[in-house]
Amino acid sequence: MSTESSDAKWTPMATAKKTTAPQCVNCGNQVTRQFARVFGDNRDVVHACPDCSTYREMKTSDFIPKEQR
């Protein structure tokens, strides 16, 4: 049994904005560091994720602006 007070409320959405995990630049969804390393640009910036793009587009990097490649 826990000795903590049951009055404490867990608010997961309140702390979600304070994470250092990478996010998709296009839609803002959180992605893993490994996903950013594989599908991100040379600085591990993710310009598209599975929620806003297809894996074919992510693999070919056609959606990344040329000045950021």
PDB file of N, CA and C in Angstrom:
ATOM      1  N   MET A   1       0.822  -1.182   0.000  1.00  0.00           N
ATOM      2  CA  MET A   1       0.000   0.000   0.000  1.00  0.00           C
ATOM      3  C   MET A   1       0.866   1.246   0.000  1.00  0.00           C
ATOM      4  N   SER A   2       0.403   2.229  -0.669  1.00  0.00           N
ATOM      5  CA  SER A   2       1.137   3.482  -0.781  1.00  0.00           C
ATOM      6  C   SER A   2       0.856   4.373   0.419  1.00  0.00           C
ATOM      7  N   THR A   3       1.858   5.129   0.817  1.00  0.00           N
ATOM      8  CA  THR A   3       1.688   6.054   1.940  1.00  0.00           C
ATOM      9  C   THR A   3       1.413   7.474   1.461  1.00  0.00           C
ATOM     10  N   GLU A   4       1.351   7.665   0.139  1.00  0.00           N
ATOM     11  CA  GLU A   4       1.095   8.995  -0.412  1.00  0.00           C
ATOM     12  C   GLU A   4      -0.372   9.366  -0.281  1.00  0.00           C
ATOM     13  N   SER A   5      -0.621  10.632  -0.233  1.00  0.00           N
ATOM     14  CA  SER A   5      -1.985  11.140  -0.137  1.00  0.00           C
ATOM     15  C   SER A   5      -2.729  10.863  -1.436  1.00  0.00           C
ATOM     16  N   SER A   6      -3.977  10.515  -1.330  1.00  0.00           N
ATOM     17  CA  SER A   6      -4.782  10.248  -2.522  1.00  0.00           C
ATOM     18  C   SER A   6      -5.305  11.542  -3.144  1.00  0.00           C
ATOM     19  N   ASP A   7      -4.999  12.688  -2.530  1.00  0.00           N
ATOM     20  CA  ASP A   7      -5.442  13.975  -3.054  1.00  0.00           C
ATOM     21  C   ASP A   7      -4.611  14.432  -4.247  1.00  0.00           C
ATOM     22  N   ALA A   8      -3.432  13.843  -4.428  1.00  0.00           N
ATOM     23  CA  ALA A   8      -2.560  14.255  -5.524  1.00  0.00           C
ATOM     24  C   ALA A   8      -3.166  13.802  -6.850  1.00  0.00           C
ATOM     25  N   LYS A   9      -3.278  14.731  -7.779  1.00  0.00           N
ATOM     26  CA  LYS A   9      -3.853  14.438  -9.094  1.00  0.00           C
ATOM     27  C   LYS A   9      -2.734  14.343 -10.113  1.00  0.00           C
ATOM     28  N   TRP A  10      -2.768  13.326 -10.931  1.00  0.00           N
ATOM     29  CA  TRP A  10      -1.783  13.155 -11.992  1.00  0.00           C
ATOM     30  C   TRP A  10      -2.327  13.806 -13.241  1.00  0.00           C
ATOM     31  N   THR A  11      -1.593  14.738 -13.803  1.00  0.00           N
ATOM     32  CA  THR A  11      -2.024  15.451 -15.007  1.00  0.00           C
ATOM     33  C   THR A  11      -0.969  15.252 -16.084  1.00  0.00           C
ATOM     34  N   PRO A  12      -1.086  14.185 -16.883  1.00  0.00           N
ATOM     35  CA  PRO A  12      -0.057  13.906 -17.882  1.00  0.00           C
ATOM     36  C   PRO A  12       0.042  14.957 -18.970  1.00  0.00           C
ATOM     37  N   MET A  13      -1.031  15.597 -19.336  1.00  0.00           N
ATOM     38  CA  MET A  13      -0.992  16.593 -20.401  1.00  0.00           C
ATOM     39  C   MET A  13      -0.301  17.879 -19.938  1.00  0.00           C
ATOM     40  N   ALA A  14      -0.287  18.144 -18.653  1.00  0.00           N
ATOM     41  CA  ALA A  14       0.351  19.355 -18.153  1.00  0.00           C
ATOM     42  C   ALA A  14       1.868  19.268 -18.271  1.00  0.00           C
ATOM     43  N   THR A  15       2.432  18.070 -18.166  1.00  0.00           N
ATOM     44  CA  THR A  15       3.884  17.925 -18.228  1.00  0.00           C
ATOM     45  C   THR A  15       4.373  17.517 -19.610  1.00  0.00           C
ATOM     46  N   ALA A  16       3.505  17.218 -20.531  1.00  0.00           N
ATOM     47  CA  ALA A  16       3.913  16.748 -21.853  1.00  0.00           C
ATOM     48  C   ALA A  16       4.655  17.825 -22.639  1.00  0.00           C
ATOM     49  N   LYS A  17       4.390  19.080 -22.404  1.00  0.00           N
ATOM     50  CA  LYS A  17       5.024  20.163 -23.151  1.00  0.00           C
ATOM     51  C   LYS A  17       6.458  20.432 -22.681  1.00  0.00           C
ATOM     52  N   LYS A  18       6.863  19.876 -21.534  1.00  0.00           N
ATOM     53  CA  LYS A  18       8.180  20.151 -20.979  1.00  0.00           C
ATOM     54  C   LYS A  18       9.196  19.074 -21.329  1.00  0.00           C
ATOM     55  N   THR A  19       8.922  18.245 -22.283  1.00  0.00           N
ATOM     56  CA  THR A  19       9.812  17.149 -22.628  1.00  0.00           C
ATOM     57  C   THR A  19      10.894  17.612 -23.596  1.00  0.00           C
ATOM     58  N   THR A  20      12.023  16.910 -23.570  1.00  0.00           N
ATOM     59  CA  THR A  20      13.111  17.235 -24.487  1.00  0.00           C
ATOM     60  C   THR A  20      13.144  16.278 -25.667  1.00  0.00           C
ATOM     61  N   ALA A  21      12.146  15.428 -25.781  1.00  0.00           N
ATOM     62  CA  ALA A  21      12.084  14.482 -26.894  1.00  0.00           C
ATOM     63  C   ALA A  21      11.873  15.229 -28.204  1.00  0.00           C
ATOM     64  N   PRO A  22      12.419  14.700 -29.295  1.00  0.00           N
ATOM     65  CA  PRO A  22      12.237  15.370 -30.594  1.00  0.00           C
ATOM     66  C   PRO A  22      10.776  15.408 -31.015  1.00  0.00           C
ATOM     67  N   GLN A  23      10.436  16.422 -31.787  1.00  0.00           N
ATOM     68  CA  GLN A  23       9.077  16.570 -32.297  1.00  0.00           C
ATOM     69  C   GLN A  23       9.115  16.800 -33.796  1.00  0.00           C
ATOM     70  N   CYS A  24       8.042  16.413 -34.438  1.00  0.00           N
ATOM     71  CA  CYS A  24       7.893  16.634 -35.872  1.00  0.00           C
ATOM     72  C   CYS A  24       7.691  18.128 -36.120  1.00  0.00           C
ATOM     73  N   VAL A  25       8.461  18.690 -37.032  1.00  0.00           N
ATOM     74  CA  VAL A  25       8.353  20.111 -37.353  1.00  0.00           C
ATOM     75  C   VAL A  25       7.036  20.402 -38.061  1.00  0.00           C
ATOM     76  N   ASN A  26       6.541  19.449 -38.834  1.00  0.00           N
ATOM     77  CA  ASN A  26       5.331  19.643 -39.629  1.00  0.00           C
ATOM     78  C   ASN A  26       4.065  19.651 -38.777  1.00  0.00           C
ATOM     79  N   CYS A  27       3.907  18.641 -37.899  1.00  0.00           N
ATOM     80  CA  CYS A  27       2.648  18.532 -37.152  1.00  0.00           C
ATOM     81  C   CYS A  27       2.808  18.658 -35.638  1.00  0.00           C
ATOM     82  N   GLY A  28       4.047  18.609 -35.118  1.00  0.00           N
ATOM     83  CA  GLY A  28       4.270  18.787 -33.691  1.00  0.00           C
ATOM     84  C   GLY A  28       4.185  17.531 -32.855  1.00  0.00           C
ATOM     85  N   ASN A  29       3.944  16.376 -33.467  1.00  0.00           N
ATOM     86  CA  ASN A  29       3.871  15.131 -32.700  1.00  0.00           C
ATOM     87  C   ASN A  29       5.249  14.726 -32.198  1.00  0.00           C
ATOM     88  N   GLN A  30       5.271  14.135 -31.013  1.00  0.00           N
ATOM     89  CA  GLN A  30       6.517  13.667 -30.422  1.00  0.00           C
ATOM     90  C   GLN A  30       6.975  12.376 -31.101  1.00  0.00           C
ATOM     91  N   VAL A  31       8.279  12.271 -31.365  1.00  0.00           N
ATOM     92  CA  VAL A  31       8.867  11.072 -31.954  1.00  0.00           C
ATOM     93  C   VAL A  31      10.036  10.632 -31.077  1.00  0.00           C
ATOM     94  N   THR A  32      10.503   9.413 -31.274  1.00  0.00           N
ATOM     95  CA  THR A  32      11.628   8.920 -30.488  1.00  0.00           C
ATOM     96  C   THR A  32      12.939   9.466 -31.040  1.00  0.00           C
ATOM     97  N   ARG A  33      13.979   9.416 -30.224  1.00  0.00           N
ATOM     98  CA  ARG A  33      15.307   9.864 -30.667  1.00  0.00           C
ATOM     99  C   ARG A  33      15.830   8.984 -31.801  1.00  0.00           C
ATOM    100  N   GLN A  34      15.526   7.688 -31.723  1.00  0.00           N
ATOM    101  CA  GLN A  34      15.957   6.789 -32.788  1.00  0.00           C
ATOM    102  C   GLN A  34      15.256   7.138 -34.099  1.00  0.00           C
ATOM    103  N   PHE A  35      13.968   7.441 -34.051  1.00  0.00           N
ATOM    104  CA  PHE A  35      13.241   7.848 -35.252  1.00  0.00           C
ATOM    105  C   PHE A  35      13.864   9.119 -35.835  1.00  0.00           C
ATOM    106  N   ALA A  36      14.218  10.073 -34.980  1.00  0.00           N
ATOM    107  CA  ALA A  36      14.840  11.310 -35.453  1.00  0.00           C
ATOM    108  C   ALA A  36      16.199  11.035 -36.076  1.00  0.00           C
ATOM    109  N   ARG A  37      16.947  10.090 -35.527  1.00  0.00           N
ATOM    110  CA  ARG A  37      18.258   9.758 -36.072  1.00  0.00           C
ATOM    111  C   ARG A  37      18.137   9.103 -37.441  1.00  0.00           C
ATOM    112  N   VAL A  38      17.111   8.268 -37.633  1.00  0.00           N
ATOM    113  CA  VAL A  38      16.945   7.543 -38.893  1.00  0.00           C
ATOM    114  C   VAL A  38      16.248   8.397 -39.953  1.00  0.00           C
ATOM    115  N   PHE A  39      15.149   9.044 -39.599  1.00  0.00           N
ATOM    116  CA  PHE A  39      14.335   9.761 -40.580  1.00  0.00           C
ATOM    117  C   PHE A  39      14.522  11.279 -40.551  1.00  0.00           C
ATOM    118  N   GLY A  40      15.307  11.793 -39.616  1.00  0.00           N
ATOM    119  CA  GLY A  40      15.539  13.232 -39.544  1.00  0.00           C
ATOM    120  C   GLY A  40      16.628  13.670 -40.505  1.00  0.00           C
ATOM    121  N   ASP A  41      16.868  14.968 -40.530  1.00  0.00           N
ATOM    122  CA  ASP A  41      17.928  15.487 -41.390  1.00  0.00           C
ATOM    123  C   ASP A  41      19.282  15.310 -40.691  1.00  0.00           C
ATOM    124  N   ASN A  42      20.311  15.976 -41.179  1.00  0.00           N
ATOM    125  CA  ASN A  42      21.654  15.823 -40.613  1.00  0.00           C
ATOM    126  C   ASN A  42      21.769  16.319 -39.174  1.00  0.00           C
ATOM    127  N   ARG A  43      20.823  17.123 -38.732  1.00  0.00           N
ATOM    128  CA  ARG A  43      20.802  17.610 -37.350  1.00  0.00           C
ATOM    129  C   ARG A  43      19.727  16.901 -36.525  1.00  0.00           C
ATOM    130  N   ASP A  44      19.226  15.751 -37.022  1.00  0.00           N
ATOM    131  CA  ASP A  44      18.185  14.950 -36.371  1.00  0.00           C
ATOM    132  C   ASP A  44      16.885  15.723 -36.170  1.00  0.00           C
ATOM    133  N   VAL A  45      16.602  16.659 -37.063  1.00  0.00           N
ATOM    134  CA  VAL A  45      15.335  17.384 -37.044  1.00  0.00           C
ATOM    135  C   VAL A  45      14.358  16.610 -37.921  1.00  0.00           C
ATOM    136  N   VAL A  46      13.203  16.264 -37.364  1.00  0.00           N
ATOM    137  CA  VAL A  46      12.195  15.485 -38.089  1.00  0.00           C
ATOM    138  C   VAL A  46      11.247  16.451 -38.769  1.00  0.00           C
ATOM    139  N   HIS A  47      11.222  16.406 -40.102  1.00  0.00           N
ATOM    140  CA  HIS A  47      10.360  17.303 -40.877  1.00  0.00           C
ATOM    141  C   HIS A  47       9.010  16.673 -41.187  1.00  0.00           C
ATOM    142  N   ALA A  48       8.870  15.368 -41.008  1.00  0.00           N
ATOM    143  CA  ALA A  48       7.599  14.671 -41.203  1.00  0.00           C
ATOM    144  C   ALA A  48       7.640  13.366 -40.421  1.00  0.00           C
ATOM    145  N   CYS A  49       6.495  12.940 -39.914  1.00  0.00           N
ATOM    146  CA  CYS A  49       6.392  11.701 -39.142  1.00  0.00           C
ATOM    147  C   CYS A  49       5.299  10.824 -39.752  1.00  0.00           C
ATOM    148  N   PRO A  50       5.111   9.605 -39.269  1.00  0.00           N
ATOM    149  CA  PRO A  50       4.076   8.726 -39.840  1.00  0.00           C
ATOM    150  C   PRO A  50       2.657   9.289 -39.728  1.00  0.00           C
ATOM    151  N   ASP A  51       2.432  10.220 -38.810  1.00  0.00           N
ATOM    152  CA  ASP A  51       1.096  10.798 -38.677  1.00  0.00           C
ATOM    153  C   ASP A  51       0.773  11.815 -39.768  1.00  0.00           C
ATOM    154  N   CYS A  52       1.813  12.421 -40.375  1.00  0.00           N
ATOM    155  CA  CYS A  52       1.538  13.455 -41.373  1.00  0.00           C
ATOM    156  C   CYS A  52       2.201  13.174 -42.723  1.00  0.00           C
ATOM    157  N   SER A  53       2.818  11.998 -42.873  1.00  0.00           N
ATOM    158  CA  SER A  53       3.518  11.673 -44.112  1.00  0.00           C
ATOM    159  C   SER A  53       3.575  10.153 -44.270  1.00  0.00           C
ATOM    160  N   THR A  54       3.973   9.711 -45.454  1.00  0.00           N
ATOM    161  CA  THR A  54       4.159   8.277 -45.679  1.00  0.00           C
ATOM    162  C   THR A  54       5.629   7.927 -45.490  1.00  0.00           C
ATOM    163  N   TYR A  55       5.909   6.651 -45.247  1.00  0.00           N
ATOM    164  CA  TYR A  55       7.298   6.228 -45.079  1.00  0.00           C
ATOM    165  C   TYR A  55       8.094   6.422 -46.373  1.00  0.00           C
ATOM    166  N   ARG A  56       7.454   6.311 -47.504  1.00  0.00           N
ATOM    167  CA  ARG A  56       8.145   6.534 -48.784  1.00  0.00           C
ATOM    168  C   ARG A  56       8.623   7.980 -48.879  1.00  0.00           C
ATOM    169  N   GLU A  57       7.777   8.932 -48.488  1.00  0.00           N
ATOM    170  CA  GLU A  57       8.178  10.334 -48.499  1.00  0.00           C
ATOM    171  C   GLU A  57       9.294  10.606 -47.494  1.00  0.00           C
ATOM    172  N   MET A  58       9.196   9.986 -46.330  1.00  0.00           N
ATOM    173  CA  MET A  58      10.233  10.187 -45.323  1.00  0.00           C
ATOM    174  C   MET A  58      11.560   9.597 -45.761  1.00  0.00           C
ATOM    175  N   LYS A  59      11.534   8.464 -46.442  1.00  0.00           N
ATOM    176  CA  LYS A  59      12.767   7.802 -46.868  1.00  0.00           C
ATOM    177  C   LYS A  59      13.469   8.575 -47.983  1.00  0.00           C
ATOM    178  N   THR A  60      12.725   9.183 -48.893  1.00  0.00           N
ATOM    179  CA  THR A  60      13.319   9.891 -50.017  1.00  0.00           C
ATOM    180  C   THR A  60      13.672  11.337 -49.691  1.00  0.00           C
ATOM    181  N   SER A  61      13.185  11.854 -48.594  1.00  0.00           N
ATOM    182  CA  SER A  61      13.464  13.235 -48.147  1.00  0.00           C
ATOM    183  C   SER A  61      12.970  14.284 -49.128  1.00  0.00           C
ATOM    184  N   ASP A  62      11.953  13.981 -49.905  1.00  0.00           N
ATOM    185  CA  ASP A  62      11.428  14.952 -50.867  1.00  0.00           C
ATOM    186  C   ASP A  62      10.701  16.118 -50.199  1.00  0.00           C
ATOM    187  N   PHE A  63      10.268  15.948 -48.972  1.00  0.00           N
ATOM    188  CA  PHE A  63       9.500  16.976 -48.298  1.00  0.00           C
ATOM    189  C   PHE A  63      10.395  17.973 -47.562  1.00  0.00           C
ATOM    190  N   ILE A  64      11.700  17.703 -47.439  1.00  0.00           N
ATOM    191  CA  ILE A  64      12.614  18.603 -46.739  1.00  0.00           C
ATOM    192  C   ILE A  64      13.040  19.713 -47.699  1.00  0.00           C
ATOM    193  N   PRO A  65      12.922  20.948 -47.285  1.00  0.00           N
ATOM    194  CA  PRO A  65      13.371  22.050 -48.155  1.00  0.00           C
ATOM    195  C   PRO A  65      14.865  21.896 -48.482  1.00  0.00           C
ATOM    196  N   LYS A  66      15.258  22.228 -49.707  1.00  0.00           N
ATOM    197  CA  LYS A  66      16.638  22.017 -50.168  1.00  0.00           C
ATOM    198  C   LYS A  66      17.659  22.770 -49.327  1.00  0.00           C
ATOM    199  N   GLU A  67      17.306  23.948 -48.816  1.00  0.00           N
ATOM    200  CA  GLU A  67      18.259  24.708 -48.018  1.00  0.00           C
ATOM    201  C   GLU A  67      18.508  24.082 -46.637  1.00  0.00           C
ATOM    202  N   GLN A  68      17.663  23.142 -46.213  1.00  0.00           N
ATOM    203  CA  GLN A  68      17.828  22.494 -44.917  1.00  0.00           C
ATOM    204  C   GLN A  68      18.387  21.078 -45.031  1.00  0.00           C
ATOM    205  N   ARG A  69      18.631  20.585 -46.238  1.00  0.00           N
ATOM    206  CA  ARG A  69      19.141  19.222 -46.414  1.00  0.00           C
ATOM    207  C   ARG A  69      20.603  19.124 -46.053  1.00  0.00           C
TER     208      ARG A  69
END
